[in-house]
Amino acid sequence: INVDGPEAVRIIVQDKELNQIEERISELGATLIATQQ
C-alpha cells in the first residue's frame, strides 16, 4: 500500500526465521517418532 521498499526487504530477510522453526518441528517430530514409536 505504501510502496515501501525498505520494509519489503526486511520482510524478505526475516523469512529465514520461519524456515528455522519448520526445521525444529521436523527434528522434534522425527525424534518423537524414533523414541516413542
All heavy atoms as atom14 arrays in JSON, in Angstrom:
{
  "sequence": "INVDGPEAVRIIVQDKELNQIEERISELGATLIATQQ",
  "atom14_mask": [
    [1, 1, 1, 1, 1, 1, 1, 1, 0, 0, 0, 0, 0, 0],
    [1, 1, 1, 1, 1, 1, 1, 1, 0, 0, 0, 0, 0, 0],
    [1, 1, 1, 1, 1, 1, 1, 0, 0, 0, 0, 0, 0, 0],
    [1, 1, 1, 1, 1, 1, 1, 1, 0, 0, 0, 0, 0, 0],
    [1, 1, 1, 1, 0, 0, 0, 0, 0, 0, 0, 0, 0, 0],
    [1, 1, 1, 1, 1, 1, 1, 0, 0, 0, 0, 0, 0, 0],
    [1, 1, 1, 1, 1, 1, 1, 1, 1, 0, 0, 0, 0, 0],
    [1, 1, 1, 1, 1, 0, 0, 0, 0, 0, 0, 0, 0, 0],
    [1, 1, 1, 1, 1, 1, 1, 0, 0, 0, 0, 0, 0, 0],
    [1, 1, 1, 1, 1, 1, 1, 1, 1, 1, 1, 0, 0, 0],
    [1, 1, 1, 1, 1, 1, 1, 1, 0, 0, 0, 0, 0, 0],
    [1, 1, 1, 1, 1, 1, 1, 1, 0, 0, 0, 0, 0, 0],
    [1, 1, 1, 1, 1, 1, 1, 0, 0, 0, 0, 0, 0, 0],
    [1, 1, 1, 1, 1, 1, 1, 1, 1, 0, 0, 0, 0, 0],
    [1, 1, 1, 1, 1, 1, 1, 1, 0, 0, 0, 0, 0, 0],
    [1, 1, 1, 1, 1, 1, 1, 1, 1, 0, 0, 0, 0, 0],
    [1, 1, 1, 1, 1, 1, 1, 1, 1, 0, 0, 0, 0, 0],
    [1, 1, 1, 1, 1, 1, 1, 1, 0, 0, 0, 0, 0, 0],
    [1, 1, 1, 1, 1, 1, 1, 1, 0, 0, 0, 0, 0, 0],
    [1, 1, 1, 1, 1, 1, 1, 1, 1, 0, 0, 0, 0, 0],
    [1, 1, 1, 1, 1, 1, 1, 1, 0, 0, 0, 0, 0, 0],
    [1, 1, 1, 1, 1, 1, 1, 1, 1, 0, 0, 0, 0, 0],
    [1, 1, 1, 1, 1, 1, 1, 1, 1, 0, 0, 0, 0, 0],
    [1, 1, 1, 1, 1, 1, 1, 1, 1, 1, 1, 0, 0, 0],
    [1, 1, 1, 1, 1, 1, 1, 1, 0, 0, 0, 0, 0, 0],
    [1, 1, 1, 1, 1, 1, 0, 0, 0, 0, 0, 0, 0, 0],
    [1, 1, 1, 1, 1, 1, 1, 1, 1, 0, 0, 0, 0, 0],
    [1, 1, 1, 1, 1, 1, 1, 1, 0, 0, 0, 0, 0, 0],
    [1, 1, 1, 1, 0, 0, 0, 0, 0, 0, 0, 0, 0, 0],
    [1, 1, 1, 1, 1, 0, 0, 0, 0, 0, 0, 0, 0, 0],
    [1, 1, 1, 1, 1, 1, 1, 0, 0, 0, 0, 0, 0, 0],
    [1, 1, 1, 1, 1, 1, 1, 1, 0, 0, 0, 0, 0, 0],
    [1, 1, 1, 1, 1, 1, 1, 1, 0, 0, 0, 0, 0, 0],
    [1, 1, 1, 1, 1, 0, 0, 0, 0, 0, 0, 0, 0, 0],
    [1, 1, 1, 1, 1, 1, 1, 0, 0, 0, 0, 0, 0, 0],
    [1, 1, 1, 1, 1, 1, 1, 1, 1, 0, 0, 0, 0, 0],
    [1, 1, 1, 1, 1, 1, 1, 1, 1, 0, 0, 0, 0, 0]
  ],
  "atom14_positions": [
    [[0.83, -1.2, 0.0], [0.0, 0.0, 0.0], [0.87, 1.26, 0.0], [0.58, 2.24, -0.69], [-0.95, 0.0, 1.22], [-2.01, -1.11, 1.08], [-1.63, 1.36, 1.39], [-2.82, -1.35, 2.34], [0.0, 0.0, 0.0], [0.0, 0.0, 0.0], [0.0, 0.0, 0.0], [0.0, 0.0, 0.0], [0.0, 0.0, 0.0], [0.0, 0.0, 0.0]],
    [[1.96, 1.2, 0.77], [2.84, 2.37, 0.89], [4.0, 2.35, -0.1], [4.82, 3.28, -0.12], [3.41, 2.44, 2.32], [2.33, 2.65, 3.37], [1.37, 3.36, 3.13], [2.49, 2.02, 4.52], [0.0, 0.0, 0.0], [0.0, 0.0, 0.0], [0.0, 0.0, 0.0], [0.0, 0.0, 0.0], [0.0, 0.0, 0.0], [0.0, 0.0, 0.0]],
    [[4.07, 1.28, -0.93], [5.2, 1.05, -1.83], [6.51, 1.29, -1.07], [7.36, 2.09, -1.47], [5.1, 1.94, -3.1], [6.03, 1.39, -4.19], [3.68, 2.0, -3.65], [0.0, 0.0, 0.0], [0.0, 0.0, 0.0], [0.0, 0.0, 0.0], [0.0, 0.0, 0.0], [0.0, 0.0, 0.0], [0.0, 0.0, 0.0], [0.0, 0.0, 0.0]],
    [[6.63, 0.59, 0.04], [7.74, 0.78, 0.98], [8.81, -0.29, 0.74], [8.74, -1.39, 1.29], [7.19, 0.69, 2.41], [8.22, 1.05, 3.47], [9.43, 1.0, 3.16], [7.82, 1.35, 4.6], [0.0, 0.0, 0.0], [0.0, 0.0, 0.0], [0.0, 0.0, 0.0], [0.0, 0.0, 0.0], [0.0, 0.0, 0.0], [0.0, 0.0, 0.0]],
    [[9.8, 0.06, -0.07], [10.84, -0.88, -0.43], [11.66, -1.38, 0.75], [11.87, -2.59, 0.89], [0.0, 0.0, 0.0], [0.0, 0.0, 0.0], [0.0, 0.0, 0.0], [0.0, 0.0, 0.0], [0.0, 0.0, 0.0], [0.0, 0.0, 0.0], [0.0, 0.0, 0.0], [0.0, 0.0, 0.0], [0.0, 0.0, 0.0], [0.0, 0.0, 0.0]],
    [[12.15, -0.5, 1.63], [12.94, -0.96, 2.77], [12.18, -1.94, 3.67], [12.74, -2.92, 4.16], [13.28, 0.34, 3.51], [13.27, 1.38, 2.42], [12.18, 0.98, 1.49], [0.0, 0.0, 0.0], [0.0, 0.0, 0.0], [0.0, 0.0, 0.0], [0.0, 0.0, 0.0], [0.0, 0.0, 0.0], [0.0, 0.0, 0.0], [0.0, 0.0, 0.0]],
    [[10.9, -1.66, 3.91], [10.09, -2.58, 4.71], [9.95, -3.93, 4.0], [10.0, -4.99, 4.64], [8.7, -1.97, 4.97], [7.71, -2.91, 5.64], [8.08, -3.31, 7.06], [9.07, -2.79, 7.6], [7.36, -4.15, 7.64], [0.0, 0.0, 0.0], [0.0, 0.0, 0.0], [0.0, 0.0, 0.0], [0.0, 0.0, 0.0], [0.0, 0.0, 0.0]],
    [[9.8, -3.89, 2.69], [9.69, -5.13, 1.92], [10.96, -5.97, 2.04], [10.9, -7.19, 2.21], [9.41, -4.81, 0.45], [0.0, 0.0, 0.0], [0.0, 0.0, 0.0], [0.0, 0.0, 0.0], [0.0, 0.0, 0.0], [0.0, 0.0, 0.0], [0.0, 0.0, 0.0], [0.0, 0.0, 0.0], [0.0, 0.0, 0.0], [0.0, 0.0, 0.0]],
    [[12.09, -5.31, 2.0], [13.37, -6.02, 2.14], [13.46, -6.67, 3.52], [13.94, -7.8, 3.67], [14.56, -5.06, 1.92], [15.87, -5.73, 2.29], [14.58, -4.59, 0.46], [0.0, 0.0, 0.0], [0.0, 0.0, 0.0], [0.0, 0.0, 0.0], [0.0, 0.0, 0.0], [0.0, 0.0, 0.0], [0.0, 0.0, 0.0], [0.0, 0.0, 0.0]],
    [[13.0, -5.97, 4.55], [13.02, -6.53, 5.91], [12.18, -7.8, 5.98], [12.57, -8.79, 6.61], [12.5, -5.49, 6.91], [12.62, -5.93, 8.37], [11.85, -5.01, 9.3], [10.42, -5.06, 9.06], [9.63, -6.03, 9.52], [10.13, -7.04, 10.22], [8.33, -6.02, 9.27], [0.0, 0.0, 0.0], [0.0, 0.0, 0.0], [0.0, 0.0, 0.0]],
    [[11.01, -7.78, 5.34], [10.13, -8.95, 5.33], [10.82, -10.13, 4.65], [10.72, -11.28, 5.11], [8.81, -8.59, 4.62], [8.0, -7.59, 5.45], [7.97, -9.85, 4.35], [6.86, -6.93, 4.72], [0.0, 0.0, 0.0], [0.0, 0.0, 0.0], [0.0, 0.0, 0.0], [0.0, 0.0, 0.0], [0.0, 0.0, 0.0], [0.0, 0.0, 0.0]],
    [[11.5, -9.85, 3.56], [12.2, -10.91, 2.82], [13.29, -11.54, 3.7], [13.41, -12.77, 3.77], [12.81, -10.34, 1.52], [11.69, -9.91, 0.56], [13.72, -11.36, 0.86], [12.17, -9.06, -0.61], [0.0, 0.0, 0.0], [0.0, 0.0, 0.0], [0.0, 0.0, 0.0], [0.0, 0.0, 0.0], [0.0, 0.0, 0.0], [0.0, 0.0, 0.0]],
    [[14.05, -10.7, 4.39], [15.17, -11.18, 5.2], [14.69, -12.02, 6.38], [15.28, -13.06, 6.72], [16.03, -10.0, 5.7], [17.05, -10.46, 6.72], [16.71, -9.32, 4.52], [0.0, 0.0, 0.0], [0.0, 0.0, 0.0], [0.0, 0.0, 0.0], [0.0, 0.0, 0.0], [0.0, 0.0, 0.0], [0.0, 0.0, 0.0], [0.0, 0.0, 0.0]],
    [[13.59, -11.6, 7.01], [13.15, -12.28, 8.23], [12.49, -13.63, 7.94], [12.24, -14.41, 8.87], [12.19, -11.4, 9.02], [10.78, -11.3, 8.45], [9.85, -10.45, 9.29], [10.27, -9.78, 10.23], [8.57, -10.47, 8.97], [0.0, 0.0, 0.0], [0.0, 0.0, 0.0], [0.0, 0.0, 0.0], [0.0, 0.0, 0.0], [0.0, 0.0, 0.0]],
    [[12.25, -13.96, 6.67], [11.61, -15.23, 6.34], [12.44, -16.43, 6.8], [11.9, -17.49, 7.08], [11.34, -15.31, 4.83], [10.63, -16.6, 4.44], [9.5, -16.82, 4.9], [11.22, -17.38, 3.69], [0.0, 0.0, 0.0], [0.0, 0.0, 0.0], [0.0, 0.0, 0.0], [0.0, 0.0, 0.0], [0.0, 0.0, 0.0], [0.0, 0.0, 0.0]],
    [[13.76, -16.26, 6.87], [14.62, -17.38, 7.26], [14.28, -17.87, 8.67], [14.47, -19.05, 9.0], [16.09, -16.98, 7.17], [16.52, -15.9, 8.13], [18.0, -15.56, 7.95], [18.43, -14.46, 8.92], [19.85, -14.08, 8.73], [0.0, 0.0, 0.0], [0.0, 0.0, 0.0], [0.0, 0.0, 0.0], [0.0, 0.0, 0.0], [0.0, 0.0, 0.0]],
    [[13.75, -16.97, 9.52], [13.38, -17.36, 10.88], [12.23, -18.36, 10.85], [12.18, -19.3, 11.66], [13.01, -16.13, 11.7], [14.15, -15.14, 11.87], [13.71, -13.85, 12.52], [12.52, -13.76, 12.93], [14.52, -12.91, 12.63], [0.0, 0.0, 0.0], [0.0, 0.0, 0.0], [0.0, 0.0, 0.0], [0.0, 0.0, 0.0], [0.0, 0.0, 0.0]],
    [[11.3, -18.18, 9.92], [10.18, -19.1, 9.78], [10.69, -20.48, 9.33], [10.23, -21.52, 9.83], [9.17, -18.55, 8.77], [7.78, -19.18, 8.78], [7.04, -18.84, 10.07], [6.98, -18.71, 7.58], [0.0, 0.0, 0.0], [0.0, 0.0, 0.0], [0.0, 0.0, 0.0], [0.0, 0.0, 0.0], [0.0, 0.0, 0.0], [0.0, 0.0, 0.0]],
    [[11.62, -20.47, 8.41], [12.19, -21.74, 7.93], [12.89, -22.48, 9.07], [12.84, -23.72, 9.13], [13.18, -21.47, 6.79], [12.52, -20.85, 5.58], [11.32, -21.0, 5.37], [13.29, -20.15, 4.78], [0.0, 0.0, 0.0], [0.0, 0.0, 0.0], [0.0, 0.0, 0.0], [0.0, 0.0, 0.0], [0.0, 0.0, 0.0], [0.0, 0.0, 0.0]],
    [[13.53, -21.75, 9.95], [14.22, -22.37, 11.07], [13.24, -23.04, 12.03], [13.52, -24.11, 12.57], [15.06, -21.32, 11.81], [16.26, -20.83, 11.01], [16.93, -19.61, 11.61], [16.41, -19.0, 12.55], [18.08, -19.23, 11.07], [0.0, 0.0, 0.0], [0.0, 0.0, 0.0], [0.0, 0.0, 0.0], [0.0, 0.0, 0.0], [0.0, 0.0, 0.0]],
    [[12.08, -22.42, 12.23], [11.06, -23.03, 13.1], [10.53, -24.32, 12.47], [10.34, -25.32, 13.16], [9.91, -22.05, 13.38], [10.42, -20.79, 14.07], [8.84, -22.72, 14.25], [9.38, -19.71, 14.24], [0.0, 0.0, 0.0], [0.0, 0.0, 0.0], [0.0, 0.0, 0.0], [0.0, 0.0, 0.0], [0.0, 0.0, 0.0], [0.0, 0.0, 0.0]],
    [[10.32, -24.3, 11.16], [9.87, -25.52, 10.48], [10.89, -26.65, 10.68], [10.52, -27.81, 10.91], [9.64, -25.27, 9.0], [9.05, -26.5, 8.3], [9.08, -26.42, 6.79], [9.79, -25.58, 6.25], [8.39, -27.25, 6.15], [0.0, 0.0, 0.0], [0.0, 0.0, 0.0], [0.0, 0.0, 0.0], [0.0, 0.0, 0.0], [0.0, 0.0, 0.0]],
    [[12.17, -26.31, 10.6], [13.22, -27.32, 10.8], [13.17, -27.89, 12.22], [13.35, -29.1, 12.42], [14.59, -26.71, 10.52], [14.84, -26.39, 9.05], [16.14, -25.63, 8.83], [16.88, -25.43, 9.82], [16.4, -25.23, 7.68], [0.0, 0.0, 0.0], [0.0, 0.0, 0.0], [0.0, 0.0, 0.0], [0.0, 0.0, 0.0], [0.0, 0.0, 0.0]],
    [[12.9, -27.03, 13.19], [12.8, -27.5, 14.58], [11.61, -28.45, 14.74], [11.71, -29.45, 15.46], [12.65, -26.3, 15.52], [13.93, -25.49, 15.68], [13.66, -24.15, 16.36], [13.09, -24.29, 17.68], [12.55, -23.29, 18.37], [12.5, -22.08, 17.83], [12.06, -23.49, 19.57], [0.0, 0.0, 0.0], [0.0, 0.0, 0.0], [0.0, 0.0, 0.0]],
    [[10.51, -28.15, 14.06], [9.35, -29.04, 14.11], [9.68, -30.39, 13.51], [9.33, -31.45, 14.06], [8.15, -28.38, 13.39], [7.63, -27.2, 14.21], [7.02, -29.39, 13.15], [6.61, -26.34, 13.5], [0.0, 0.0, 0.0], [0.0, 0.0, 0.0], [0.0, 0.0, 0.0], [0.0, 0.0, 0.0], [0.0, 0.0, 0.0], [0.0, 0.0, 0.0]],
    [[10.37, -30.38, 12.39], [10.76, -31.64, 11.73], [11.66, -32.47, 12.62], [11.49, -33.69, 12.76], [11.46, -31.35, 10.39], [10.59, -30.7, 9.49], [0.0, 0.0, 0.0], [0.0, 0.0, 0.0], [0.0, 0.0, 0.0], [0.0, 0.0, 0.0], [0.0, 0.0, 0.0], [0.0, 0.0, 0.0], [0.0, 0.0, 0.0], [0.0, 0.0, 0.0]],
    [[12.63, -31.81, 13.24], [13.58, -32.52, 14.11], [12.88, -33.09, 15.34], [13.1, -34.25, 15.72], [14.71, -31.58, 14.52], [15.62, -31.18, 13.36], [16.56, -30.04, 13.73], [16.49, -29.57, 14.89], [17.34, -29.62, 12.85], [0.0, 0.0, 0.0], [0.0, 0.0, 0.0], [0.0, 0.0, 0.0], [0.0, 0.0, 0.0], [0.0, 0.0, 0.0]],
    [[12.02, -32.28, 15.97], [11.32, -32.73, 17.17], [10.37, -33.88, 16.85], [10.33, -34.88, 17.57], [10.55, -31.56, 17.8], [9.69, -31.87, 19.02], [10.53, -32.51, 20.12], [9.02, -30.61, 19.54], [0.0, 0.0, 0.0], [0.0, 0.0, 0.0], [0.0, 0.0, 0.0], [0.0, 0.0, 0.0], [0.0, 0.0, 0.0], [0.0, 0.0, 0.0]],
    [[9.63, -33.74, 15.75], [8.7, -34.8, 15.37], [9.41, -36.1, 15.06], [8.97, -37.19, 15.46], [0.0, 0.0, 0.0], [0.0, 0.0, 0.0], [0.0, 0.0, 0.0], [0.0, 0.0, 0.0], [0.0, 0.0, 0.0], [0.0, 0.0, 0.0], [0.0, 0.0, 0.0], [0.0, 0.0, 0.0], [0.0, 0.0, 0.0], [0.0, 0.0, 0.0]],
    [[10.53, -36.0, 14.35], [11.3, -37.2, 14.0], [11.83, -37.88, 15.26], [11.84, -39.12, 15.36], [12.45, -36.82, 13.08], [0.0, 0.0, 0.0], [0.0, 0.0, 0.0], [0.0, 0.0, 0.0], [0.0, 0.0, 0.0], [0.0, 0.0, 0.0], [0.0, 0.0, 0.0], [0.0, 0.0, 0.0], [0.0, 0.0, 0.0], [0.0, 0.0, 0.0]],
    [[12.28, -37.08, 16.22], [12.77, -37.63, 17.48], [11.66, -38.35, 18.24], [11.87, -39.45, 18.78], [13.36, -36.51, 18.36], [14.45, -35.9, 17.67], [13.84, -37.06, 19.7], [0.0, 0.0, 0.0], [0.0, 0.0, 0.0], [0.0, 0.0, 0.0], [0.0, 0.0, 0.0], [0.0, 0.0, 0.0], [0.0, 0.0, 0.0], [0.0, 0.0, 0.0]],
    [[10.47, -37.76, 18.27], [9.34, -38.38, 18.96], [8.95, -39.7, 18.32], [8.67, -40.68, 19.01], [8.14, -37.43, 18.97], [8.23, -36.21, 19.9], [7.04, -35.29, 19.68], [8.3, -36.66, 21.35], [0.0, 0.0, 0.0], [0.0, 0.0, 0.0], [0.0, 0.0, 0.0], [0.0, 0.0, 0.0], [0.0, 0.0, 0.0], [0.0, 0.0, 0.0]],
    [[8.97, -39.74, 16.99], [8.63, -40.99, 16.3], [9.68, -42.07, 16.6], [9.35, -43.22, 16.87], [8.51, -40.75, 14.79], [7.26, -39.9, 14.48], [8.44, -42.08, 14.03], [7.14, -39.48, 13.03], [0.0, 0.0, 0.0], [0.0, 0.0, 0.0], [0.0, 0.0, 0.0], [0.0, 0.0, 0.0], [0.0, 0.0, 0.0], [0.0, 0.0, 0.0]],
    [[10.94, -41.67, 16.58], [12.02, -42.64, 16.79], [12.06, -43.16, 18.22], [12.34, -44.35, 18.45], [13.35, -42.0, 16.42], [0.0, 0.0, 0.0], [0.0, 0.0, 0.0], [0.0, 0.0, 0.0], [0.0, 0.0, 0.0], [0.0, 0.0, 0.0], [0.0, 0.0, 0.0], [0.0, 0.0, 0.0], [0.0, 0.0, 0.0], [0.0, 0.0, 0.0]],
    [[11.81, -42.29, 19.19], [11.98, -42.68, 20.6], [10.7, -43.17, 21.26], [10.75, -43.97, 22.2], [12.52, -41.5, 21.42], [11.6, -40.4, 21.35], [13.88, -41.06, 20.89], [0.0, 0.0, 0.0], [0.0, 0.0, 0.0], [0.0, 0.0, 0.0], [0.0, 0.0, 0.0], [0.0, 0.0, 0.0], [0.0, 0.0, 0.0], [0.0, 0.0, 0.0]],
    [[9.55, -42.72, 20.76], [8.27, -43.06, 21.42], [7.45, -44.07, 20.62], [6.53, -44.67, 21.16], [7.44, -41.78, 21.63], [8.17, -40.68, 22.4], [8.42, -41.07, 23.85], [7.62, -41.73, 24.48], [9.58, -40.67, 24.37], [0.0, 0.0, 0.0], [0.0, 0.0, 0.0], [0.0, 0.0, 0.0], [0.0, 0.0, 0.0], [0.0, 0.0, 0.0]],
    [[7.77, -44.21, 19.33], [7.05, -45.16, 18.46], [5.52, -45.03, 18.61], [4.83, -46.0, 18.95], [7.49, -46.59, 18.74], [8.98, -46.8, 18.47], [9.45, -48.2, 18.78], [8.91, -48.87, 19.66], [10.45, -48.66, 18.05], [0.0, 0.0, 0.0], [0.0, 0.0, 0.0], [0.0, 0.0, 0.0], [0.0, 0.0, 0.0], [0.0, 0.0, 0.0]]
  ]
}
